[in-house]
Amino acid sequence: LVDDDFFAGDPYPDLARLRHEAPVAWDPDLGYWALTRHADVLAVSRDSATFCSRQGVLYAALKPADQVPAVPGSPLTADPPQHTRHRKILQPSFTPSRMRALEPHLRTLAGRLLDAVEPGAVTELVDAVAVPFPLVVLAELMGLPTEEWPRFRVWVDHAVAAGGRPAGRRPPEVEASMAEMSAYLLCAVDERRGLSDDPCVVSTLANLEVNG
């Protein structure tokens, strides 16, 4: 369906062509249907009785039904009832009251980022505001040091790159970055064991007990 140029360059002309010529296209190499029209994607995402996520939601992680692990690696690759259980586990970290409590702090953060923009100067808004702000918010929710957001940015960029390429076709720096991120997060989990009163995501997962 696509080649390396699709991942390395501008995918939008290819996607536009698919929407026009083959909005429901079969990829015989990896054995999946590609949907490129919004209405079709929305319909599939709302119909877990007919369509599944457990066989992969990323191009690089597609698996035949007989190779799907019993325990999904992420809520993104889980279907009900597993997805429902996982969602309930994470919900305490994203309650409306917690979101409201974060709002004043996040407003202050947004103000600081905007105040740092030099008046009258040409500014790359993505680098100055649009990238650091959500990464700092994510760190707050996870319970990770917010000042390390530049490090998280590298990991997120590499995670996106890893998700778009099949295993064995990822650059070495991407593989190394993913290993570094995994080690960092596992260390954070170990440090939070016993801190069950902390509502952050890492503490929630570190102190979770399910069915004993």
N, C-alpha and C. Protein backbone atom coordinates (compact mmCIF):
# COMPACT_ATOMS: atom_id res chain seq x y z
N LEU A 1 0.81 -1.20 0.00
CA LEU A 1 0.00 0.00 0.00
C LEU A 1 0.85 1.25 0.00
N VAL A 2 1.90 1.26 0.83
CA VAL A 2 2.79 2.41 0.93
C VAL A 2 4.22 1.92 1.01
N ASP A 3 5.18 2.84 0.79
CA ASP A 3 6.59 2.48 0.90
C ASP A 3 7.27 3.42 1.88
N ASP A 4 8.61 3.31 1.96
CA ASP A 4 9.34 4.11 2.94
C ASP A 4 9.18 5.60 2.71
N ASP A 5 8.99 6.02 1.46
CA ASP A 5 8.82 7.44 1.19
C ASP A 5 7.58 8.00 1.89
N PHE A 6 6.59 7.13 2.08
CA PHE A 6 5.36 7.55 2.76
C PHE A 6 5.68 7.98 4.19
N PHE A 7 6.54 7.20 4.88
CA PHE A 7 6.87 7.50 6.26
C PHE A 7 7.89 8.62 6.39
N ALA A 8 8.78 8.72 5.43
CA ALA A 8 9.88 9.68 5.53
C ALA A 8 9.48 11.06 5.03
N GLY A 9 8.48 11.14 4.17
CA GLY A 9 8.15 12.41 3.56
C GLY A 9 6.77 12.91 3.90
N ASP A 10 6.02 13.31 2.89
CA ASP A 10 4.71 13.90 3.05
C ASP A 10 3.65 12.85 2.69
N PRO A 11 2.91 12.33 3.65
CA PRO A 11 1.96 11.24 3.35
C PRO A 11 0.63 11.72 2.77
N TYR A 12 0.36 13.02 2.84
CA TYR A 12 -0.99 13.49 2.55
C TYR A 12 -1.44 13.30 1.11
N PRO A 13 -0.57 13.46 0.11
CA PRO A 13 -1.03 13.14 -1.26
C PRO A 13 -1.44 11.68 -1.42
N ASP A 14 -0.68 10.77 -0.77
CA ASP A 14 -1.04 9.35 -0.84
C ASP A 14 -2.39 9.09 -0.16
N LEU A 15 -2.60 9.73 0.98
CA LEU A 15 -3.86 9.54 1.69
C LEU A 15 -5.03 10.11 0.88
N ALA A 16 -4.80 11.26 0.25
CA ALA A 16 -5.85 11.86 -0.58
C ALA A 16 -6.21 10.95 -1.76
N ARG A 17 -5.18 10.35 -2.35
CA ARG A 17 -5.42 9.43 -3.47
C ARG A 17 -6.21 8.20 -3.02
N LEU A 18 -5.85 7.69 -1.84
CA LEU A 18 -6.60 6.54 -1.30
C LEU A 18 -8.06 6.91 -1.06
N ARG A 19 -8.29 8.07 -0.46
CA ARG A 19 -9.67 8.47 -0.20
C ARG A 19 -10.47 8.57 -1.50
N HIS A 20 -9.81 9.03 -2.56
CA HIS A 20 -10.49 9.23 -3.83
C HIS A 20 -10.67 7.93 -4.62
N GLU A 21 -9.61 7.10 -4.64
CA GLU A 21 -9.61 5.93 -5.51
C GLU A 21 -9.95 4.63 -4.79
N ALA A 22 -9.56 4.52 -3.52
CA ALA A 22 -9.77 3.26 -2.80
C ALA A 22 -9.95 3.55 -1.31
N PRO A 23 -11.07 4.13 -0.92
CA PRO A 23 -11.26 4.51 0.49
C PRO A 23 -11.26 3.31 1.43
N VAL A 24 -11.54 2.12 0.91
CA VAL A 24 -11.41 0.87 1.68
C VAL A 24 -10.46 -0.02 0.88
N ALA A 25 -9.19 -0.05 1.31
CA ALA A 25 -8.15 -0.73 0.53
C ALA A 25 -7.55 -1.89 1.30
N TRP A 26 -7.31 -2.99 0.61
CA TRP A 26 -6.73 -4.18 1.23
C TRP A 26 -5.23 -4.20 1.00
N ASP A 27 -4.46 -4.45 2.08
CA ASP A 27 -3.02 -4.60 1.98
C ASP A 27 -2.71 -6.09 2.09
N PRO A 28 -2.38 -6.74 0.96
CA PRO A 28 -2.15 -8.19 1.00
C PRO A 28 -0.87 -8.58 1.72
N ASP A 29 0.10 -7.68 1.83
CA ASP A 29 1.37 -8.01 2.47
C ASP A 29 1.20 -8.21 3.97
N LEU A 30 0.48 -7.31 4.62
CA LEU A 30 0.29 -7.40 6.07
C LEU A 30 -1.11 -7.87 6.44
N GLY A 31 -1.98 -8.00 5.46
CA GLY A 31 -3.30 -8.57 5.72
C GLY A 31 -4.22 -7.69 6.53
N TYR A 32 -4.43 -6.46 6.10
CA TYR A 32 -5.36 -5.59 6.82
C TYR A 32 -6.05 -4.66 5.82
N TRP A 33 -7.19 -4.14 6.25
CA TRP A 33 -7.94 -3.16 5.46
C TRP A 33 -7.58 -1.77 5.94
N ALA A 34 -7.30 -0.86 5.01
CA ALA A 34 -7.00 0.53 5.33
C ALA A 34 -8.20 1.39 4.98
N LEU A 35 -8.72 2.11 5.97
CA LEU A 35 -9.83 3.03 5.76
C LEU A 35 -9.32 4.45 5.85
N THR A 36 -9.66 5.30 4.90
CA THR A 36 -9.12 6.66 4.88
C THR A 36 -10.19 7.74 4.89
N ARG A 37 -11.45 7.36 4.94
CA ARG A 37 -12.52 8.36 5.05
C ARG A 37 -12.97 8.47 6.50
N HIS A 38 -13.18 9.72 6.92
CA HIS A 38 -13.49 10.00 8.32
C HIS A 38 -14.71 9.22 8.81
N ALA A 39 -15.77 9.21 8.03
CA ALA A 39 -17.00 8.54 8.47
C ALA A 39 -16.76 7.05 8.69
N ASP A 40 -15.95 6.42 7.83
CA ASP A 40 -15.67 4.99 7.98
C ASP A 40 -14.83 4.73 9.23
N VAL A 41 -13.80 5.55 9.43
CA VAL A 41 -12.94 5.40 10.61
C VAL A 41 -13.76 5.57 11.88
N LEU A 42 -14.65 6.56 11.90
CA LEU A 42 -15.48 6.82 13.07
C LEU A 42 -16.41 5.64 13.35
N ALA A 43 -17.00 5.11 12.29
CA ALA A 43 -17.91 3.97 12.47
C ALA A 43 -17.19 2.76 13.05
N VAL A 44 -15.99 2.48 12.55
CA VAL A 44 -15.22 1.34 13.05
C VAL A 44 -14.81 1.55 14.50
N SER A 45 -14.38 2.77 14.83
CA SER A 45 -13.91 3.04 16.19
C SER A 45 -15.02 2.89 17.23
N ARG A 46 -16.27 3.00 16.79
CA ARG A 46 -17.40 2.91 17.72
C ARG A 46 -18.03 1.53 17.77
N ASP A 47 -17.51 0.60 17.01
CA ASP A 47 -18.14 -0.72 16.90
C ASP A 47 -17.16 -1.82 17.33
N SER A 48 -16.99 -1.96 18.64
CA SER A 48 -16.05 -2.96 19.16
C SER A 48 -16.59 -4.37 19.04
N ALA A 49 -17.88 -4.52 18.77
CA ALA A 49 -18.45 -5.86 18.61
C ALA A 49 -18.04 -6.47 17.27
N THR A 50 -17.79 -5.62 16.28
CA THR A 50 -17.44 -6.10 14.94
C THR A 50 -15.95 -6.00 14.67
N PHE A 51 -15.33 -4.91 15.15
CA PHE A 51 -13.92 -4.64 14.85
C PHE A 51 -13.09 -4.68 16.13
N CYS A 52 -11.82 -5.05 16.00
CA CYS A 52 -10.98 -5.21 17.18
C CYS A 52 -9.74 -4.32 17.11
N SER A 53 -9.16 -4.08 18.28
CA SER A 53 -7.89 -3.37 18.39
C SER A 53 -6.75 -4.30 18.79
N ARG A 54 -7.07 -5.49 19.29
CA ARG A 54 -6.07 -6.36 19.89
C ARG A 54 -5.05 -6.89 18.88
N GLN A 55 -5.36 -6.84 17.59
CA GLN A 55 -4.40 -7.30 16.58
C GLN A 55 -3.47 -6.18 16.11
N GLY A 56 -3.55 -5.02 16.79
CA GLY A 56 -2.64 -3.92 16.49
C GLY A 56 -3.36 -2.70 15.99
N VAL A 57 -2.90 -1.52 16.43
CA VAL A 57 -3.46 -0.26 15.96
C VAL A 57 -2.40 0.57 15.24
N LEU A 58 -1.18 0.06 15.17
CA LEU A 58 -0.10 0.73 14.46
C LEU A 58 0.38 -0.17 13.33
N TYR A 59 0.79 0.45 12.25
CA TYR A 59 1.24 -0.27 11.06
C TYR A 59 2.33 -1.29 11.41
N ALA A 60 3.24 -0.88 12.31
CA ALA A 60 4.38 -1.74 12.63
C ALA A 60 4.04 -2.87 13.59
N ALA A 61 2.85 -2.82 14.20
CA ALA A 61 2.54 -3.79 15.24
C ALA A 61 1.37 -4.69 14.88
N LEU A 62 1.02 -4.76 13.61
CA LEU A 62 -0.09 -5.62 13.20
C LEU A 62 0.27 -7.09 13.40
N LYS A 63 -0.67 -7.86 13.95
CA LYS A 63 -0.41 -9.27 14.24
C LYS A 63 -1.60 -10.11 13.75
N PRO A 64 -1.33 -11.31 13.26
CA PRO A 64 -2.44 -12.23 12.97
C PRO A 64 -3.11 -12.65 14.27
N ALA A 65 -4.34 -13.12 14.17
CA ALA A 65 -5.13 -13.43 15.36
C ALA A 65 -4.45 -14.45 16.27
N ASP A 66 -3.71 -15.41 15.69
CA ASP A 66 -3.09 -16.46 16.51
C ASP A 66 -1.81 -16.01 17.20
N GLN A 67 -1.39 -14.76 16.98
CA GLN A 67 -0.19 -14.25 17.63
C GLN A 67 -0.48 -13.11 18.61
N VAL A 68 -1.73 -12.88 18.91
CA VAL A 68 -2.09 -11.80 19.82
C VAL A 68 -1.80 -12.22 21.25
N PRO A 69 -1.02 -11.41 22.03
CA PRO A 69 -0.71 -11.79 23.41
C PRO A 69 -1.96 -11.76 24.28
N ALA A 70 -1.97 -12.58 25.33
CA ALA A 70 -3.12 -12.64 26.23
C ALA A 70 -3.29 -11.33 26.99
N VAL A 71 -2.17 -10.70 27.34
CA VAL A 71 -2.20 -9.42 28.05
C VAL A 71 -1.79 -8.33 27.08
N PRO A 72 -2.66 -7.39 26.75
CA PRO A 72 -2.31 -6.33 25.80
C PRO A 72 -1.24 -5.42 26.38
N GLY A 73 -0.41 -4.89 25.52
CA GLY A 73 0.66 -4.01 25.98
C GLY A 73 0.19 -2.61 26.30
N SER A 74 -1.02 -2.27 25.91
CA SER A 74 -1.54 -0.92 26.11
C SER A 74 -3.05 -0.96 26.02
N PRO A 75 -3.75 -0.03 26.69
CA PRO A 75 -5.20 0.07 26.49
C PRO A 75 -5.58 0.29 25.04
N LEU A 76 -4.67 0.87 24.27
CA LEU A 76 -4.96 1.11 22.85
C LEU A 76 -5.12 -0.19 22.08
N THR A 77 -4.47 -1.25 22.56
CA THR A 77 -4.55 -2.53 21.87
C THR A 77 -5.40 -3.53 22.65
N ALA A 78 -6.35 -3.02 23.40
CA ALA A 78 -7.26 -3.88 24.17
C ALA A 78 -8.69 -3.64 23.70
N ASP A 79 -9.50 -4.68 23.79
CA ASP A 79 -10.92 -4.61 23.49
C ASP A 79 -11.70 -4.91 24.76
N PRO A 80 -12.97 -4.50 24.81
CA PRO A 80 -13.79 -4.89 25.96
C PRO A 80 -13.84 -6.41 26.08
N PRO A 81 -13.83 -6.99 27.32
CA PRO A 81 -13.90 -6.27 28.59
C PRO A 81 -12.55 -5.83 29.15
N GLN A 82 -11.43 -6.27 28.53
CA GLN A 82 -10.11 -5.86 29.04
C GLN A 82 -9.95 -4.35 29.01
N HIS A 83 -10.34 -3.74 27.91
CA HIS A 83 -10.20 -2.29 27.78
C HIS A 83 -10.97 -1.56 28.88
N THR A 84 -12.16 -2.07 29.20
CA THR A 84 -12.98 -1.45 30.25
C THR A 84 -12.26 -1.52 31.59
N ARG A 85 -11.65 -2.67 31.90
CA ARG A 85 -10.92 -2.80 33.18
C ARG A 85 -9.73 -1.85 33.23
N HIS A 86 -8.99 -1.78 32.14
CA HIS A 86 -7.81 -0.89 32.11
C HIS A 86 -8.23 0.57 32.24
N ARG A 87 -9.31 0.93 31.60
CA ARG A 87 -9.77 2.31 31.66
C ARG A 87 -10.16 2.69 33.09
N LYS A 88 -10.80 1.77 33.80
CA LYS A 88 -11.19 2.04 35.18
C LYS A 88 -9.96 2.23 36.07
N ILE A 89 -8.89 1.51 35.76
CA ILE A 89 -7.66 1.65 36.54
C ILE A 89 -7.09 3.05 36.40
N LEU A 90 -7.12 3.60 35.19
CA LEU A 90 -6.51 4.90 34.93
C LEU A 90 -7.42 6.08 35.27
N GLN A 91 -8.71 5.85 35.38
CA GLN A 91 -9.65 6.95 35.58
C GLN A 91 -9.35 7.83 36.79
N PRO A 92 -8.91 7.27 37.95
CA PRO A 92 -8.65 8.16 39.09
C PRO A 92 -7.61 9.24 38.81
N SER A 93 -6.71 8.99 37.87
CA SER A 93 -5.69 9.98 37.55
C SER A 93 -6.21 11.08 36.63
N PHE A 94 -7.42 10.90 36.10
CA PHE A 94 -7.96 11.87 35.14
C PHE A 94 -9.37 12.32 35.52
N THR A 95 -9.65 12.36 36.83
CA THR A 95 -10.98 12.78 37.26
C THR A 95 -11.19 14.26 36.96
N PRO A 96 -12.45 14.68 36.78
CA PRO A 96 -12.71 16.11 36.54
C PRO A 96 -12.16 17.01 37.64
N SER A 97 -12.22 16.54 38.89
CA SER A 97 -11.72 17.37 39.99
C SER A 97 -10.22 17.57 39.88
N ARG A 98 -9.50 16.52 39.46
CA ARG A 98 -8.05 16.68 39.30
C ARG A 98 -7.73 17.60 38.13
N MET A 99 -8.49 17.49 37.06
CA MET A 99 -8.26 18.37 35.91
C MET A 99 -8.51 19.82 36.30
N ARG A 100 -9.58 20.06 37.07
CA ARG A 100 -9.87 21.43 37.51
C ARG A 100 -8.78 21.95 38.43
N ALA A 101 -8.24 21.09 39.29
CA ALA A 101 -7.19 21.52 40.21
C ALA A 101 -5.92 21.90 39.47
N LEU A 102 -5.68 21.28 38.31
CA LEU A 102 -4.49 21.59 37.53
C LEU A 102 -4.61 22.90 36.74
N GLU A 103 -5.84 23.34 36.51
CA GLU A 103 -6.04 24.47 35.59
C GLU A 103 -5.26 25.73 35.96
N PRO A 104 -5.30 26.21 37.21
CA PRO A 104 -4.54 27.43 37.52
C PRO A 104 -3.04 27.30 37.24
N HIS A 105 -2.48 26.15 37.59
CA HIS A 105 -1.06 25.94 37.35
C HIS A 105 -0.76 25.93 35.86
N LEU A 106 -1.62 25.29 35.08
CA LEU A 106 -1.38 25.20 33.64
C LEU A 106 -1.57 26.56 32.96
N ARG A 107 -2.48 27.36 33.47
CA ARG A 107 -2.63 28.72 32.94
C ARG A 107 -1.35 29.53 33.18
N THR A 108 -0.78 29.35 34.37
CA THR A 108 0.48 30.04 34.69
C THR A 108 1.59 29.58 33.76
N LEU A 109 1.67 28.28 33.54
CA LEU A 109 2.69 27.73 32.64
C LEU A 109 2.53 28.29 31.23
N ALA A 110 1.29 28.30 30.72
CA ALA A 110 1.05 28.83 29.38
C ALA A 110 1.46 30.29 29.30
N GLY A 111 1.16 31.04 30.35
CA GLY A 111 1.56 32.45 30.38
C GLY A 111 3.06 32.64 30.34
N ARG A 112 3.79 31.79 31.07
CA ARG A 112 5.25 31.89 31.06
C ARG A 112 5.83 31.61 29.67
N LEU A 113 5.28 30.61 29.02
CA LEU A 113 5.77 30.28 27.68
C LEU A 113 5.51 31.43 26.71
N LEU A 114 4.34 32.03 26.81
CA LEU A 114 4.00 33.14 25.91
C LEU A 114 4.79 34.40 26.25
N ASP A 115 5.01 34.62 27.54
CA ASP A 115 5.80 35.79 27.95
C ASP A 115 7.24 35.70 27.46
N ALA A 116 7.73 34.48 27.28
CA ALA A 116 9.12 34.30 26.83
C ALA A 116 9.28 34.58 25.34
N VAL A 117 8.17 34.68 24.61
CA VAL A 117 8.24 35.01 23.19
C VAL A 117 8.58 36.47 23.02
N GLU A 118 9.63 36.76 22.28
CA GLU A 118 10.09 38.14 22.11
C GLU A 118 9.08 38.92 21.26
N PRO A 119 8.55 40.04 21.80
CA PRO A 119 7.57 40.83 21.05
C PRO A 119 8.16 41.34 19.73
N GLY A 120 7.43 41.22 18.66
CA GLY A 120 7.85 41.73 17.37
C GLY A 120 8.82 40.86 16.63
N ALA A 121 9.31 39.80 17.27
CA ALA A 121 10.29 38.93 16.62
C ALA A 121 9.58 37.78 15.91
N VAL A 122 10.23 37.26 14.88
CA VAL A 122 9.72 36.07 14.21
C VAL A 122 9.99 34.86 15.12
N THR A 123 8.95 34.14 15.47
CA THR A 123 9.07 33.05 16.44
C THR A 123 8.48 31.77 15.86
N GLU A 124 9.16 30.67 16.07
CA GLU A 124 8.63 29.37 15.71
C GLU A 124 7.73 28.91 16.85
N LEU A 125 6.42 29.09 16.69
CA LEU A 125 5.48 28.85 17.77
C LEU A 125 5.46 27.39 18.21
N VAL A 126 5.72 26.48 17.29
CA VAL A 126 5.72 25.05 17.65
C VAL A 126 6.79 24.78 18.70
N ASP A 127 8.02 25.23 18.44
CA ASP A 127 9.12 24.98 19.37
C ASP A 127 8.97 25.78 20.66
N ALA A 128 8.41 26.99 20.55
CA ALA A 128 8.34 27.87 21.71
C ALA A 128 7.18 27.54 22.65
N VAL A 129 6.07 27.07 22.09
CA VAL A 129 4.87 26.89 22.90
C VAL A 129 4.20 25.53 22.67
N ALA A 130 3.93 25.20 21.41
CA ALA A 130 3.09 24.05 21.10
C ALA A 130 3.71 22.72 21.49
N VAL A 131 5.05 22.63 21.49
CA VAL A 131 5.71 21.38 21.90
C VAL A 131 5.90 21.31 23.42
N PRO A 132 6.50 22.31 24.07
CA PRO A 132 6.75 22.16 25.51
C PRO A 132 5.49 22.09 26.35
N PHE A 133 4.44 22.83 25.97
CA PHE A 133 3.26 22.87 26.84
C PHE A 133 2.63 21.50 27.05
N PRO A 134 2.23 20.76 26.01
CA PRO A 134 1.61 19.45 26.27
C PRO A 134 2.56 18.45 26.92
N LEU A 135 3.87 18.56 26.64
CA LEU A 135 4.81 17.63 27.27
C LEU A 135 4.92 17.88 28.77
N VAL A 136 4.88 19.15 29.16
CA VAL A 136 4.90 19.46 30.59
C VAL A 136 3.60 19.01 31.25
N VAL A 137 2.48 19.21 30.57
CA VAL A 137 1.20 18.74 31.11
C VAL A 137 1.22 17.22 31.26
N LEU A 138 1.73 16.53 30.27
CA LEU A 138 1.84 15.07 30.35
C LEU A 138 2.71 14.65 31.53
N ALA A 139 3.83 15.33 31.72
CA ALA A 139 4.71 15.01 32.84
C ALA A 139 4.00 15.22 34.17
N GLU A 140 3.22 16.31 34.27
CA GLU A 140 2.45 16.57 35.50
C GLU A 140 1.50 15.40 35.78
N LEU A 141 0.78 14.95 34.77
CA LEU A 141 -0.19 13.89 34.96
C LEU A 141 0.49 12.56 35.29
N MET A 142 1.63 12.32 34.65
CA MET A 142 2.36 11.08 34.90
C MET A 142 3.07 11.08 36.25
N GLY A 143 3.40 12.28 36.76
CA GLY A 143 4.18 12.38 37.98
C GLY A 143 5.67 12.34 37.72
N LEU A 144 6.08 12.85 36.55
CA LEU A 144 7.49 12.87 36.16
C LEU A 144 8.02 14.30 36.24
N PRO A 145 9.34 14.49 36.36
CA PRO A 145 9.91 15.83 36.45
C PRO A 145 9.60 16.67 35.21
N THR A 146 8.91 17.78 35.40
CA THR A 146 8.50 18.59 34.25
C THR A 146 9.68 19.23 33.53
N GLU A 147 10.79 19.45 34.25
CA GLU A 147 11.94 20.10 33.61
C GLU A 147 12.64 19.18 32.61
N GLU A 148 12.26 17.92 32.59
CA GLU A 148 12.88 16.98 31.66
C GLU A 148 12.09 16.85 30.35
N TRP A 149 11.19 17.82 30.08
CA TRP A 149 10.37 17.72 28.89
C TRP A 149 11.19 17.63 27.59
N PRO A 150 12.38 18.29 27.48
CA PRO A 150 13.14 18.11 26.22
C PRO A 150 13.52 16.64 25.97
N ARG A 151 13.81 15.94 27.05
CA ARG A 151 14.13 14.51 26.93
C ARG A 151 12.90 13.72 26.48
N PHE A 152 11.74 14.07 27.06
CA PHE A 152 10.50 13.39 26.67
C PHE A 152 10.18 13.65 25.20
N ARG A 153 10.52 14.85 24.74
CA ARG A 153 10.23 15.19 23.33
C ARG A 153 10.95 14.23 22.39
N VAL A 154 12.20 13.95 22.69
CA VAL A 154 12.98 13.03 21.84
C VAL A 154 12.32 11.67 21.84
N TRP A 155 11.91 11.21 23.02
CA TRP A 155 11.29 9.89 23.11
C TRP A 155 9.97 9.84 22.34
N VAL A 156 9.16 10.88 22.49
CA VAL A 156 7.87 10.90 21.80
C VAL A 156 8.08 10.90 20.28
N ASP A 157 9.01 11.71 19.81
CA ASP A 157 9.29 11.76 18.37
C ASP A 157 9.74 10.39 17.86
N HIS A 158 10.60 9.74 18.64
CA HIS A 158 11.09 8.43 18.23
C HIS A 158 10.00 7.36 18.34
N ALA A 159 9.11 7.51 19.33
CA ALA A 159 8.01 6.55 19.46
C ALA A 159 7.09 6.63 18.25
N VAL A 160 6.84 7.84 17.77
CA VAL A 160 6.02 8.01 16.57
C VAL A 160 6.73 7.37 15.38
N ALA A 161 8.03 7.59 15.27
CA ALA A 161 8.79 6.99 14.17
C ALA A 161 8.79 5.47 14.26
N ALA A 162 8.90 4.95 15.48
CA ALA A 162 8.90 3.50 15.66
C ALA A 162 7.55 2.91 15.30
N GLY A 163 6.47 3.63 15.64
CA GLY A 163 5.14 3.13 15.36
C GLY A 163 4.82 3.07 13.88
N GLY A 164 5.50 3.85 13.08
CA GLY A 164 5.22 3.89 11.66
C GLY A 164 6.01 2.92 10.83
N ARG A 165 7.00 2.24 11.42
CA ARG A 165 7.85 1.34 10.65
C ARG A 165 7.84 -0.06 11.26
N PRO A 166 7.79 -1.08 10.42
CA PRO A 166 7.84 -2.45 10.94
C PRO A 166 9.17 -2.72 11.65
N ALA A 167 9.16 -3.64 12.59
CA ALA A 167 10.38 -4.02 13.31
C ALA A 167 11.45 -4.45 12.32
N GLY A 168 12.68 -4.05 12.59
CA GLY A 168 13.79 -4.37 11.71
C GLY A 168 14.06 -3.29 10.68
N ARG A 169 13.14 -2.30 10.58
CA ARG A 169 13.33 -1.21 9.63
C ARG A 169 13.37 0.13 10.34
N ARG A 170 13.67 0.10 11.64
CA ARG A 170 13.76 1.32 12.42
C ARG A 170 15.22 1.71 12.57
N PRO A 171 15.54 3.01 12.49
CA PRO A 171 16.92 3.45 12.68
C PRO A 171 17.45 3.06 14.06
N PRO A 172 18.75 2.79 14.18
CA PRO A 172 19.31 2.39 15.48
C PRO A 172 19.05 3.41 16.58
N GLU A 173 19.07 4.70 16.24
CA GLU A 173 18.84 5.71 17.28
C GLU A 173 17.42 5.65 17.83
N VAL A 174 16.47 5.22 16.99
CA VAL A 174 15.10 5.07 17.45
C VAL A 174 15.01 3.89 18.41
N GLU A 175 15.62 2.77 18.06
CA GLU A 175 15.62 1.60 18.94
C GLU A 175 16.28 1.92 20.28
N ALA A 176 17.40 2.64 20.24
CA ALA A 176 18.10 3.00 21.47
C ALA A 176 17.25 3.92 22.33
N SER A 177 16.56 4.85 21.69
CA SER A 177 15.71 5.78 22.42
C SER A 177 14.55 5.07 23.10
N MET A 178 13.94 4.11 22.41
CA MET A 178 12.84 3.35 23.00
C MET A 178 13.31 2.54 24.22
N ALA A 179 14.51 1.98 24.13
CA ALA A 179 15.05 1.23 25.26
C ALA A 179 15.32 2.16 26.44
N GLU A 180 15.84 3.34 26.15
CA GLU A 180 16.11 4.32 27.21
C GLU A 180 14.81 4.75 27.89
N MET A 181 13.78 5.01 27.10
CA MET A 181 12.49 5.41 27.66
C MET A 181 11.91 4.31 28.56
N SER A 182 11.97 3.07 28.11
CA SER A 182 11.43 1.96 28.90
C SER A 182 12.15 1.84 30.24
N ALA A 183 13.48 1.94 30.20
CA ALA A 183 14.26 1.85 31.44
C ALA A 183 13.91 2.99 32.39
N TYR A 184 13.75 4.18 31.85
CA TYR A 184 13.41 5.36 32.66
C TYR A 184 12.06 5.18 33.35
N LEU A 185 11.07 4.73 32.61
CA LEU A 185 9.73 4.60 33.17
C LEU A 185 9.65 3.45 34.18
N LEU A 186 10.36 2.35 33.92
CA LEU A 186 10.38 1.26 34.89
C LEU A 186 11.05 1.69 36.20
N CYS A 187 12.08 2.52 36.09
CA CYS A 187 12.74 3.05 37.29
C CYS A 187 11.78 3.96 38.06
N ALA A 188 11.01 4.78 37.33
CA ALA A 188 10.03 5.66 37.98
C ALA A 188 8.98 4.85 38.71
N VAL A 189 8.55 3.74 38.13
CA VAL A 189 7.57 2.87 38.78
C VAL A 189 8.15 2.30 40.07
N ASP A 190 9.38 1.82 40.03
CA ASP A 190 10.02 1.26 41.23
C ASP A 190 10.10 2.30 42.34
N GLU A 191 10.40 3.55 41.98
CA GLU A 191 10.54 4.61 42.98
C GLU A 191 9.21 4.97 43.63
N ARG A 192 8.10 4.71 42.95
CA ARG A 192 6.78 5.11 43.47
C ARG A 192 6.08 4.00 44.24
N ARG A 193 6.66 2.84 44.33
CA ARG A 193 5.99 1.77 45.06
C ARG A 193 5.85 2.18 46.54
N GLY A 194 4.64 2.01 47.06
CA GLY A 194 4.38 2.40 48.44
C GLY A 194 3.80 3.80 48.57
N LEU A 195 3.81 4.58 47.51
CA LEU A 195 3.27 5.95 47.55
C LEU A 195 1.87 5.95 46.96
N SER A 196 0.99 5.19 47.58
CA SER A 196 -0.34 4.96 47.02
C SER A 196 -1.26 6.16 47.13
N ASP A 197 -0.91 7.19 47.94
CA ASP A 197 -1.77 8.35 48.07
C ASP A 197 -1.52 9.38 46.98
N ASP A 198 -0.55 9.14 46.12
CA ASP A 198 -0.24 10.05 45.01
C ASP A 198 -1.14 9.69 43.83
N PRO A 199 -1.93 10.66 43.31
CA PRO A 199 -2.88 10.32 42.24
C PRO A 199 -2.26 10.27 40.84
N CYS A 200 -0.95 10.48 40.70
CA CYS A 200 -0.36 10.49 39.37
C CYS A 200 -0.41 9.10 38.75
N VAL A 201 -0.26 9.05 37.44
CA VAL A 201 -0.40 7.79 36.71
C VAL A 201 0.65 6.77 37.13
N VAL A 202 1.90 7.21 37.25
CA VAL A 202 2.98 6.27 37.60
C VAL A 202 2.73 5.64 38.96
N SER A 203 2.32 6.44 39.95
CA SER A 203 2.04 5.90 41.28
C SER A 203 0.84 4.96 41.26
N THR A 204 -0.18 5.32 40.49
CA THR A 204 -1.36 4.47 40.38
C THR A 204 -0.98 3.09 39.87
N LEU A 205 -0.18 3.06 38.81
CA LEU A 205 0.22 1.77 38.23
C LEU A 205 1.21 1.03 39.12
N ALA A 206 2.09 1.77 39.81
CA ALA A 206 3.09 1.13 40.66
C ALA A 206 2.48 0.43 41.86
N ASN A 207 1.31 0.90 42.29
CA ASN A 207 0.71 0.34 43.51
C ASN A 207 -0.61 -0.38 43.24
N LEU A 208 -0.81 -0.73 42.01
CA LEU A 208 -2.05 -1.38 41.61
C LEU A 208 -2.06 -2.86 41.97
N GLU A 209 -3.21 -3.33 42.42
CA GLU A 209 -3.39 -4.77 42.64
C GLU A 209 -4.70 -5.17 41.98
N VAL A 210 -4.65 -6.17 41.13
CA VAL A 210 -5.83 -6.66 40.41
C VAL A 210 -5.95 -8.17 40.66
N ASN A 211 -7.09 -8.59 41.18
CA ASN A 211 -7.34 -10.01 41.43
C ASN A 211 -6.22 -10.66 42.25
N GLY A 212 -5.69 -9.90 43.21
CA GLY A 212 -4.64 -10.43 44.06
C GLY A 212 -3.27 -10.32 43.48
